[in-house]
Protein backbone atom coordinates (compact mmCIF):
# COMPACT_ATOMS: atom_id res chain seq x y z
CA MET A 1 184.96 -9.09 85.01
CA ARG A 2 186.86 -5.94 86.01
CA LEU A 3 185.27 -2.71 84.84
CA TYR A 4 188.65 -1.15 84.04
CA SER A 5 191.19 -2.71 81.73
CA ALA A 6 194.39 -4.16 83.17
CA SER A 7 196.52 -1.80 81.09
CA SER A 8 194.69 1.27 82.43
CA GLU A 9 195.10 0.21 86.05
CA GLU A 10 198.74 -0.71 85.49
CA THR A 11 199.30 2.75 84.04
CA LEU A 12 197.77 4.40 87.11
CA ARG A 13 199.89 2.22 89.35
CA ALA A 14 203.00 3.23 87.42
CA ARG A 15 202.09 6.92 87.78
CA ARG A 16 201.67 6.53 91.54
CA LEU A 17 205.05 4.84 91.79
CA LEU A 18 206.66 7.58 89.73
CA LYS A 19 205.18 10.20 92.03
CA ASP A 20 206.50 8.40 95.10
CA TRP A 21 209.96 7.94 93.58
CA ALA A 22 210.15 11.58 92.56
CA GLY A 23 209.08 12.71 96.02
CA ASP A 24 211.75 10.52 97.62
CA GLY A 25 214.48 11.86 95.33
CA ILE A 26 214.98 8.59 93.44
CA LEU A 27 214.06 10.31 90.17
CA THR A 28 215.08 13.77 89.05
CA GLN A 29 212.45 16.23 87.94
CA ALA A 30 213.42 15.79 84.30
CA GLN A 31 213.20 12.00 84.56
CA TYR A 32 209.84 12.24 86.29
CA GLN A 33 208.39 14.53 83.63
CA ARG A 34 209.61 12.33 80.79
CA LEU A 35 208.26 9.14 82.34
CA GLU A 36 205.00 10.83 83.25
CA ARG A 37 204.42 11.73 79.60
CA GLU A 38 204.91 8.08 78.71
CA THR A 39 202.33 6.84 81.24
CA VAL A 40 199.23 8.80 80.31
CA SER A 41 195.96 7.17 81.39
CA GLU A 42 192.47 7.82 80.06
CA LEU A 43 190.96 7.27 83.52
CA ARG A 44 189.94 10.36 85.48
CA THR A 45 191.08 10.47 89.10
CA THR A 46 191.02 13.03 91.88
CA ASN A 47 192.56 13.60 95.30
CA VAL A 48 191.29 11.97 98.46
CA PHE A 49 189.54 15.08 99.81
CA LEU A 50 187.52 15.79 96.67
CA ARG A 51 186.78 12.08 96.42
CA LEU A 52 185.25 12.08 99.92
CA ILE A 53 183.27 15.25 99.22
CA LEU A 54 181.84 13.89 95.96
CA PHE A 55 181.05 10.60 97.69
CA LEU A 56 179.13 12.33 100.48
CA PHE A 57 177.32 14.73 98.15
CA THR A 58 176.24 11.87 95.90
CA LEU A 59 174.98 9.89 98.89
CA ILE A 60 173.05 12.91 100.14
CA GLY A 61 171.60 13.58 96.70
CA VAL A 62 170.47 10.00 96.08
CA GLY A 63 169.17 9.63 99.63
CA GLY A 64 167.28 12.92 99.46
CA ALA A 65 165.68 12.10 96.12
CA THR A 66 164.63 8.66 97.38
CA ALA A 67 163.20 10.08 100.61
CA LEU A 68 161.28 12.75 98.68
CA PHE A 69 159.74 10.09 96.45
CA PHE A 70 158.53 7.99 99.37
CA VAL A 71 157.25 10.99 101.33
CA THR A 72 155.15 12.18 98.42
CA SER A 73 153.90 8.79 97.21
CA ARG A 74 153.55 6.92 100.58
CA PRO A 75 153.43 3.37 99.15
CA SER A 76 152.84 0.22 101.20
CA GLU A 77 155.75 -1.82 102.56
CA HIS A 78 155.60 -4.40 99.80
CA THR A 79 155.34 -1.72 97.12
CA SER A 80 158.18 0.19 98.78
CA GLY A 81 160.33 -2.92 98.50
CA VAL A 82 159.64 -3.12 94.79
CA PHE A 83 160.54 0.55 94.35
CA PHE A 84 163.75 0.06 96.32
CA LEU A 85 164.72 -2.78 93.97
CA ILE A 86 164.05 -0.50 91.00
CA PHE A 87 166.16 2.25 92.56
CA ALA A 88 168.93 -0.30 93.19
CA ALA A 89 168.98 -1.20 89.51
CA ILE A 90 168.98 2.48 88.50
CA CYS A 91 171.87 3.31 90.83
CA TYR A 92 173.91 0.36 89.62
CA VAL A 93 173.36 1.20 85.95
CA ALA A 94 174.32 4.81 86.70
CA ALA A 95 177.50 3.65 88.48
CA GLU A 96 178.44 1.51 85.49
CA ALA A 97 177.70 4.37 83.11
CA VAL A 98 179.76 7.05 84.84
CA ALA A 99 182.65 4.64 85.30
CA SER A 100 182.67 3.29 81.75
CA GLN A 101 181.54 6.34 79.78
CA ALA A 102 182.96 9.21 81.85
CA ARG A 103 185.98 7.02 82.80
CA LEU A 104 185.77 7.93 86.50
CA TYR A 105 188.17 5.98 88.70
CA ARG A 106 187.96 6.28 92.50
CA TYR A 107 186.15 9.55 91.92
CA GLY A 108 183.56 9.25 94.66
CA ILE A 109 180.50 9.54 92.41
CA GLU A 110 180.53 6.02 91.00
CA GLU A 111 181.44 4.65 94.44
CA ALA A 112 178.46 6.29 96.12
CA LEU A 113 176.11 5.04 93.40
CA ALA A 114 177.42 1.50 93.82
CA VAL A 115 177.01 1.72 97.61
CA CYS A 116 173.46 3.03 97.23
CA SER A 117 172.61 0.17 94.88
CA GLY A 118 173.75 -2.36 97.49
CA ILE A 119 171.79 -0.68 100.28
CA PHE A 120 168.63 -0.38 98.16
CA LEU A 121 168.96 -4.01 97.08
CA CYS A 122 169.01 -5.37 100.64
CA VAL A 123 166.27 -3.03 101.89
CA GLY A 124 164.11 -3.77 98.88
CA MET A 125 164.47 -7.53 99.22
CA GLN A 126 163.63 -7.38 102.92
CA LEU A 127 160.50 -5.29 102.35
CA ALA A 128 159.33 -7.05 99.19
CA LEU A 129 159.83 -10.62 100.42
CA PHE A 130 159.45 -10.50 104.19
CA SER A 131 157.35 -7.43 105.03
CA GLY A 132 154.57 -8.16 107.49
CA ARG A 133 156.19 -11.30 108.87
CA PRO A 134 156.38 -11.26 112.70
CA TYR A 135 159.82 -11.45 114.21
CA SER A 136 160.80 -14.78 115.73
CA PRO A 137 163.86 -15.34 117.90
CA LYS A 138 164.24 -18.79 116.36
CA PRO A 139 166.58 -19.22 113.36
CA ASP A 140 164.89 -18.70 109.99
CA GLU A 141 166.86 -20.00 107.03
CA VAL A 142 164.55 -18.32 104.52
CA GLN A 143 165.35 -14.80 105.75
CA SER A 144 169.07 -15.50 105.37
CA PHE A 145 168.47 -14.95 101.66
CA VAL A 146 168.82 -11.16 102.18
CA PRO A 147 172.29 -11.14 103.82
CA ALA A 148 173.38 -13.87 101.40
CA ALA A 149 172.43 -11.59 98.53
CA GLY A 150 174.35 -8.81 100.30
CA VAL A 151 177.45 -11.00 100.40
CA ILE A 152 177.22 -11.87 96.71
CA PHE A 153 176.51 -8.32 95.58
CA SER A 154 179.29 -6.85 97.76
CA LEU A 155 181.78 -9.34 96.34
CA TRP A 156 180.62 -8.40 92.85
CA ILE A 157 181.14 -4.68 93.57
CA TRP A 158 184.59 -5.43 95.00
CA ARG A 159 185.54 -7.46 91.96
CA ARG A 160 183.90 -5.15 89.40
CA PHE A 161 184.93 -1.74 90.76
CA GLY A 162 187.90 -2.76 92.90
CA LEU A 163 186.54 -1.06 96.05
CA TRP A 164 188.22 -2.53 99.11
CA TYR A 165 185.41 -1.58 101.49
CA ALA A 166 182.97 -3.63 99.44
CA PHE A 167 184.87 -6.74 100.50
CA LEU A 168 184.64 -5.55 104.10
CA ALA A 169 180.88 -5.19 103.65
CA ALA A 170 180.74 -8.76 102.35
CA MET A 171 182.50 -9.92 105.51
CA ILE A 172 180.00 -8.05 107.67
CA PHE A 173 177.07 -9.63 105.81
CA THR A 174 178.74 -13.00 106.33
CA MET A 175 178.83 -12.38 110.08
CA VAL A 176 175.05 -11.98 110.09
CA LEU A 177 174.32 -15.27 108.29
CA PRO A 178 174.83 -17.76 111.15
CA GLY A 179 172.15 -16.04 113.23
CA TYR A 180 169.60 -17.23 110.66
CA TRP A 181 170.92 -20.80 110.60
CA THR A 182 171.42 -21.78 114.22
CA SER A 183 170.84 -20.44 117.71
CA SER A 184 174.06 -21.96 119.07
CA HIS A 185 176.63 -19.26 119.64
CA SER A 186 179.45 -21.78 119.42
CA ALA A 187 178.21 -22.96 116.03
CA GLN A 188 177.95 -19.36 114.85
CA HIS A 189 181.57 -18.61 115.74
CA VAL A 190 182.81 -21.80 114.10
CA THR A 191 180.71 -21.21 110.95
CA ILE A 192 182.03 -17.70 110.47
CA ALA A 193 185.61 -18.80 111.05
CA LEU A 194 185.21 -21.60 108.50
CA LEU A 195 183.72 -19.26 105.89
CA TYR A 196 186.56 -16.80 106.37
CA ALA A 197 189.09 -19.64 106.25
CA ILE A 198 187.66 -20.80 102.92
CA GLY A 199 187.99 -17.28 101.58
CA LEU A 200 191.55 -17.10 102.91
CA ILE A 201 192.49 -20.31 101.13
CA LEU A 202 191.03 -19.02 97.86
CA VAL A 203 192.88 -15.70 98.18
CA ALA A 204 196.15 -17.43 99.05
CA THR A 205 195.73 -19.60 95.96
CA VAL A 206 195.12 -16.65 93.64
CA ARG A 207 197.66 -14.19 95.10
CA PRO A 208 200.86 -15.66 93.60
CA ARG A 209 199.61 -14.84 90.09
CA HIS A 210 199.28 -11.15 90.99
CA ARG A 211 202.28 -10.63 93.20
CA PHE A 212 203.84 -7.92 91.04
CA ASP A 213 200.88 -6.35 89.25
CA TYR A 214 198.20 -3.80 90.12
CA LEU A 215 196.13 -6.34 92.08
CA ALA A 216 198.89 -7.14 94.57
CA ASP A 217 197.83 -4.53 97.13
CA ALA A 218 194.15 -5.43 96.78
CA TYR A 219 194.72 -9.11 97.53
CA SER A 220 197.13 -8.21 100.32
CA LEU A 221 194.48 -6.09 102.04
CA VAL A 222 191.83 -8.77 101.55
CA GLU A 223 194.06 -11.40 103.14
CA ALA A 224 194.71 -9.12 106.11
CA PHE A 225 190.94 -8.60 106.53
CA LEU A 226 190.31 -12.34 106.46
CA TRP A 227 193.00 -13.03 109.08
CA LEU A 228 191.43 -10.39 111.31
CA GLY A 229 187.98 -11.87 110.71
CA ILE A 230 189.09 -15.37 111.68
CA TYR A 231 190.71 -14.05 114.83
CA LEU A 232 187.66 -11.99 115.87
CA ALA A 233 185.40 -14.96 115.21
CA MET A 234 187.47 -17.08 117.58
CA ASN A 235 188.08 -14.50 120.31
CA LEU A 236 185.00 -14.89 122.50
CA GLN A 237 185.90 -11.86 124.61
CA LEU A 238 185.89 -9.38 121.73
CA SER A 239 182.98 -10.25 119.47
CA TRP A 240 179.60 -11.91 119.50
CA LEU A 241 178.43 -12.91 116.08
CA ASN A 242 174.67 -13.05 116.63
CA LEU A 243 174.40 -9.43 115.51
CA ARG A 244 170.70 -9.53 114.71
CA GLU A 245 169.74 -10.28 118.31
CA GLN A 246 172.19 -7.72 119.68
CA TRP A 247 170.92 -4.91 117.44
CA LEU A 248 167.34 -5.64 118.52
CA GLY A 249 168.36 -5.75 122.19
CA ILE A 250 166.89 -9.21 122.68
CA HIS A 251 169.88 -11.17 123.82
CA THR A 252 173.57 -10.76 124.58
CA ALA A 253 175.82 -13.81 124.74
CA THR A 254 178.09 -14.42 127.70
CA ALA A 255 181.17 -16.56 128.10
CA ALA A 256 179.25 -18.89 130.44
CA GLU A 257 177.12 -20.05 127.50
CA PHE A 258 180.07 -21.81 125.85
CA ALA A 259 181.16 -25.34 126.70
CA PRO A 260 184.51 -25.41 128.55
CA PRO A 261 186.32 -27.44 125.82
CA PHE A 262 185.25 -24.96 123.15
CA TYR A 263 186.04 -21.96 125.36
CA TRP A 264 189.59 -23.07 126.14
CA THR A 265 190.18 -24.19 122.56
CA THR A 266 189.46 -20.63 121.41
CA TRP A 267 191.89 -19.37 124.07
CA VAL A 268 194.61 -21.57 122.60
CA LEU A 269 193.72 -20.37 119.09
CA ILE A 270 193.94 -16.67 119.93
CA TRP A 271 197.48 -17.29 121.19
CA GLY A 272 198.40 -19.41 118.17
CA LEU A 273 197.04 -17.15 115.44
CA PRO A 274 199.27 -14.06 116.01
CA PRO A 275 202.58 -15.89 115.42
CA LEU A 276 201.04 -17.64 112.41
CA VAL A 277 199.85 -14.36 110.86
CA LEU A 278 203.14 -12.60 111.59
CA ALA A 279 205.12 -15.49 110.09
CA ARG A 280 202.94 -15.38 106.97
CA GLY A 281 203.40 -11.63 106.59
CA ILE A 282 207.16 -11.71 107.20
CA ARG A 283 207.64 -14.57 104.77
CA GLN A 284 205.66 -12.77 102.06
CA LYS A 285 207.09 -9.35 103.04
CA ASP A 286 203.48 -8.18 103.18
CA ARG A 287 202.95 -5.01 105.20
CA PHE A 288 199.17 -5.40 105.50
CA VAL A 289 199.42 -8.97 106.80
CA ILE A 290 202.23 -7.99 109.19
CA ALA A 291 200.03 -5.16 110.49
CA ALA A 292 197.16 -7.63 110.94
CA GLY A 293 199.48 -9.93 112.88
CA ALA A 294 200.56 -7.08 115.14
CA ILE A 295 196.92 -6.08 115.75
CA VAL A 296 195.80 -9.58 116.71
CA ALA A 297 198.84 -9.96 118.98
CA ILE A 298 197.86 -6.78 120.84
CA LEU A 299 194.24 -7.92 121.03
CA THR A 300 195.39 -11.22 122.52
CA LEU A 301 197.30 -9.43 125.26
CA VAL A 302 194.29 -7.20 125.95
CA SER A 303 191.75 -10.05 126.11
CA ASN A 304 193.89 -12.58 128.01
CA LYS A 305 192.84 -11.40 131.48
CA PRO A 306 189.10 -11.55 130.73
CA TYR A 307 189.59 -15.03 129.28
CA LEU A 308 191.27 -16.26 132.47
CA GLY A 309 188.88 -14.40 134.74
CA TRP A 310 191.61 -12.25 136.25
CA PRO A 311 190.73 -8.76 137.50
CA ARG A 312 191.77 -5.76 135.44
CA HIS A 313 193.79 -2.93 136.91
CA THR A 314 194.17 0.71 136.00
CA TRP A 315 197.86 0.25 135.26
CA ASP A 316 197.33 -2.50 132.67
CA PRO A 317 197.35 -0.08 129.68
CA MET A 318 200.56 1.49 131.00
CA LEU A 319 202.26 -1.91 131.23
CA LEU A 320 201.04 -2.79 127.73
CA GLY A 321 202.43 0.48 126.37
CA ILE A 322 205.81 -0.14 128.02
CA LEU A 323 205.91 -3.68 126.58
CA LEU A 324 205.05 -2.50 123.05
CA SER A 325 207.57 0.33 123.22
CA GLY A 326 210.27 -2.08 124.36
CA ILE A 327 209.50 -4.50 121.53
CA ALA A 328 209.56 -1.67 118.97
CA LEU A 329 212.93 -0.37 120.24
CA PHE A 330 214.41 -3.86 120.26
CA VAL A 331 213.29 -4.62 116.70
CA ARG A 332 214.52 -1.26 115.46
CA ARG A 333 217.97 -1.66 117.02
CA TRP A 334 218.19 -5.25 115.81
CA LEU A 335 217.49 -4.12 112.25
CA ASP A 336 219.89 -1.16 112.50
CA ARG A 337 222.74 -3.45 113.58
CA GLY A 338 222.44 -5.52 110.41
CA PRO A 339 224.73 -4.99 107.40
CA GLY A 340 223.73 -1.61 106.00
CA GLY A 341 220.81 -1.46 108.43
CA ILE A 342 219.10 -4.37 106.64
CA ARG A 343 218.26 -7.88 107.84
CA HIS A 344 216.56 -10.42 105.56
CA GLY A 345 215.15 -7.67 103.35
CA PHE A 346 213.75 -5.57 106.22
CA THR A 347 214.97 -2.19 107.38
CA ALA A 348 213.91 0.38 109.95
CA ALA A 349 214.84 3.27 107.65
CA ARG A 350 212.07 5.09 105.81
CA LEU A 351 212.25 4.22 102.14
CA SER A 352 209.19 6.12 100.99
CA GLY A 353 207.30 9.23 101.95
CA LYS A 354 203.94 7.47 101.53
CA ASP A 355 203.57 6.87 105.28
CA LYS A 356 204.22 10.53 106.03
CA GLU A 357 201.64 11.54 103.43
CA TRP A 358 199.01 9.29 105.01
CA MET A 359 199.84 10.65 108.49
CA ASN A 360 199.44 14.23 107.23
CA THR A 361 196.14 13.32 105.59
CA GLY A 362 194.90 11.70 108.80
CA SER A 363 195.87 14.76 110.81
CA VAL A 364 193.93 17.04 108.47
CA VAL A 365 190.86 14.78 108.56
CA LEU A 366 191.02 14.62 112.36
CA GLY A 367 191.16 18.40 112.51
CA LEU A 368 188.11 18.66 110.24
CA VAL A 369 186.12 16.08 112.21
CA ALA A 370 186.87 17.39 115.69
CA PRO A 371 187.82 21.07 115.43
CA GLN A 372 186.54 21.85 118.92
CA SER A 373 188.97 19.41 120.49
CA ILE A 374 191.99 21.40 119.32
CA THR A 375 190.55 24.93 119.19
CA ALA A 376 190.14 26.89 122.36
CA GLY A 377 186.64 28.15 122.90
CA GLN A 378 185.85 31.82 123.23
CA GLN A 379 186.15 32.86 126.85
CA LYS A 380 183.27 34.73 128.38
CA ARG A 381 183.87 38.15 129.86
CA SER A 382 181.85 39.44 132.76
CA ALA A 383 179.99 42.62 131.90
CA ASP A 384 180.39 44.15 135.38
CA PHE A 385 184.11 43.41 135.65
CA GLU A 386 186.49 46.34 135.19
CA PHE A 387 190.20 46.62 135.62
CA GLY A 388 191.17 49.37 138.03
CA GLY A 389 193.16 50.38 141.04
CA GLY A 390 196.57 50.06 139.43
CA THR A 391 199.18 52.66 138.68
CA SER A 392 201.56 53.09 135.83
CA GLY A 393 204.79 54.94 136.04
CA GLY A 394 205.28 57.59 133.38
CA GLY A 395 203.00 59.38 130.99
CA GLY A 396 200.55 60.39 133.69
CA ALA A 397 198.54 57.16 133.29
CA SER A 398 196.05 56.40 136.02
CA GLY A 399 194.41 53.22 137.28
CA LYS A 400 191.63 53.63 134.66
CA PHE A 401 194.16 53.37 131.78
């Protein structure tokens, strides 16, 4: 089912590990060069910046060509849907071709083509099957066929190409589904949480078989996403899952619409989930799941006052920052006081330069996105303003100097 062979992806994983170990001084330069020659992969990769540029350029190219076709031909809505489905098939075949024939791996081009195929598929199905139908605020199970197809196709792209954001897209499509099935906001939250829980159980069942291979990080990230999804589905103060009505500006749910037993049950759940997620991550020594546990714990502290109806104050963020800083200092000192700075396999010392590399990459991207926020603007100079009236000692300089 995977587009790339397991041996090819294992080779790329080994090359990444060798690069990290050499950068951290674990391997000498001679050792690194010898091992690198032994782990040659036929897949073509690139750096993250060129990958983003190729991704954006491919999106712009495909989108521009599609827009030009529709501007010149001006088909009807139903015909446009059929054309979008054809374009979806073309983009997917092109993505498969460049990945299998040109051996592109995380190169940006095949990713953009796969993304375009998913977008064209959903748009084409909506126009071809449901164009001309008047909108109704009542649930319509038939129209749920489009987001359901989005879920299936996104999962296929995730499984076929190994793109983590395709799984995230599948989760977003899943959030839209309950709006087509029921108008009860409580039922929507419960349905989404159950669907995510089913996915979590399946991932937890499969993960042990891939704990030490190239799929370990992929399943780790997916599990972290699912934990976050379950939490957001249950936290009534952070998310409303009837996205279709919100996007159209028709309705916005409020906490008063939920029955008190359901409302307070979700309050108990948002306090119970963070320790459960953290315990899962610590037991598995999984950084992504631990990060998800930390995120949901912070979100619980942030949303507790709105849940209880307490007023917010301007100093609340300051108190939260002090609390988080105190917890971080306590955990760090507790780990440092262990034998050799290690407790139960955890340490506060940096073992790899990967985090620093990601921080540097993020800083560069932030500088490219918002250059005006860190670059001083050119100051305007008044045309009629002139320095004068001063004196300078020596050299015969005057006030006009």
